[in-house]
Each structure stands twice: as structure tokens, then as C-alpha cells.
Amino acid sequence: MEKMEKIENRIRRKREELGYKQSDLAFLLGHKNPSQVSRYEKGQILPDSENIFKLSYSLKTLPEWLYPGMTKKWKEEVAKREDILRKNL
């Protein structure tokens, strides 16, 4: 089985900065237990769009700050497609 690449994120850093435990953040997100938060922090899974926004609201930051590498990748992908679209207009 291929090893899954870790997803860089800053969730733990911000959570600790605000004085929250994983269980506190899980509660704010509406999760039943903190294991999901642990998996987000370890980069094992990427939260769905709803939870990315809930994370950013709970941690008082922007999604772009939480996931800098992913955001950069997505912006670059969109920029390339915009160039293609402009050339085809």
C-alpha cells in the first residue's frame, strides 16, 4: 500500500495558542470525540469544506492560513486554467 502524503496544516499550533484542548475544538466543530481533530492535526485527513470553515471560525483565522500548501497549489491550478480560458476566448 502506498504511504499517504501528510497534509501540512497549522491547526494544532493555533488550537494551542488559543488554549483549547482537542476535545474543546471537537465540541466547537460538532464532533462527538477528539479523534477527528487529531487526524486533522496529524495531516492524515483533510476536513470537508464545512469543517474547514468551522475550523477557521473556531480558531479565529482564515482557511488559507490553516492550509498554506494546499491553498498555494489550488491558486496555481486556477491561475493556469484562467490563462487557458483567456487564450480560448
Protein backbone atom coordinates (compact mmCIF):
# COMPACT_ATOMS: atom_id res chain seq x y z
CA MET A 1 0.00 0.00 0.00
CA GLU A 2 1.29 3.47 -0.91
CA LYS A 3 2.05 5.78 2.00
CA MET A 4 -0.32 8.75 2.12
CA GLU A 5 1.32 12.17 1.99
CA LYS A 6 0.76 14.26 5.11
CA ILE A 7 -1.32 17.37 4.64
CA GLU A 8 0.52 20.38 6.05
CA ASN A 9 -1.64 22.38 8.42
CA ARG A 10 -1.40 24.73 11.36
CA ILE A 11 -4.43 23.54 13.33
CA ARG A 12 -2.56 22.28 16.40
CA ARG A 13 -0.44 25.41 16.60
CA LYS A 14 -3.46 27.71 16.55
CA ARG A 15 -5.52 25.48 18.88
CA GLU A 16 -2.76 25.50 21.50
CA GLU A 17 -2.25 29.25 21.04
CA LEU A 18 -5.93 29.75 21.96
CA GLY A 19 -5.69 27.38 24.94
CA TYR A 20 -8.06 24.75 23.53
CA LYS A 21 -7.74 21.01 24.06
CA GLN A 22 -8.56 18.70 21.17
CA SER A 23 -11.82 17.88 22.92
CA ASP A 24 -12.70 21.60 23.07
CA LEU A 25 -12.15 22.02 19.36
CA ALA A 26 -14.07 18.81 18.62
CA PHE A 27 -17.01 20.24 20.58
CA LEU A 28 -16.88 23.52 18.64
CA LEU A 29 -16.87 21.57 15.37
CA GLY A 30 -19.76 19.37 16.49
CA HIS A 31 -17.68 16.17 16.52
CA LYS A 32 -18.54 13.51 19.09
CA ASN A 33 -14.91 12.85 20.07
CA PRO A 34 -11.50 14.45 19.53
CA SER A 35 -10.08 11.69 17.33
CA GLN A 36 -11.20 13.53 14.18
CA VAL A 37 -9.36 16.67 15.33
CA SER A 38 -6.26 14.56 15.97
CA ARG A 39 -6.44 13.20 12.43
CA TYR A 40 -6.78 16.73 11.02
CA GLU A 41 -3.77 17.89 13.05
CA LYS A 42 -1.63 14.92 12.02
CA GLY A 43 -2.44 15.63 8.38
CA GLN A 44 -3.99 12.20 7.96
CA ILE A 45 -7.21 13.61 6.50
CA LEU A 46 -8.42 16.87 5.06
CA PRO A 47 -11.64 18.23 6.56
CA ASP A 48 -14.56 18.72 4.21
CA SER A 49 -15.41 22.28 3.20
CA GLU A 50 -17.90 22.76 6.02
CA ASN A 51 -15.33 21.75 8.65
CA ILE A 52 -12.58 23.85 7.09
CA PHE A 53 -14.79 26.89 7.61
CA LYS A 54 -15.78 25.77 11.10
CA LEU A 55 -12.10 25.29 11.93
CA SER A 56 -11.22 28.74 10.69
CA TYR A 57 -14.08 30.34 12.66
CA SER A 58 -13.25 28.36 15.81
CA LEU A 59 -9.54 29.15 15.55
CA LYS A 60 -10.14 32.78 14.57
CA THR A 61 -8.16 32.61 11.35
CA LEU A 62 -8.58 32.05 7.61
CA PRO A 63 -8.64 28.70 5.80
CA GLU A 64 -5.68 29.90 3.74
CA TRP A 65 -3.61 30.26 6.91
CA LEU A 66 -4.57 26.79 8.17
CA TYR A 67 -3.61 25.05 4.91
CA PRO A 68 -0.89 27.15 3.23
CA GLY A 69 0.48 24.46 0.92
CA MET A 70 -2.92 23.34 -0.30
CA THR A 71 -4.06 26.93 -0.84
CA LYS A 72 -0.95 27.73 -2.89
CA LYS A 73 -1.46 24.62 -5.02
CA TRP A 74 -5.14 25.44 -5.65
CA LYS A 75 -4.38 29.06 -6.53
CA GLU A 76 -1.74 27.94 -9.03
CA GLU A 77 -4.12 25.43 -10.62
CA VAL A 78 -6.85 28.06 -11.02
CA ALA A 79 -4.37 30.60 -12.42
CA LYS A 80 -3.26 28.09 -15.09
CA ARG A 81 -6.86 27.41 -16.06
CA GLU A 82 -7.59 31.14 -16.20
CA ASP A 83 -4.71 31.55 -18.66
CA ILE A 84 -6.09 28.74 -20.83
CA LEU A 85 -9.58 30.22 -20.65
CA ARG A 86 -8.36 33.69 -21.69
CA LYS A 87 -6.45 32.23 -24.66
CA ASN A 88 -9.57 30.42 -25.82
CA LEU A 89 -11.89 33.45 -25.64
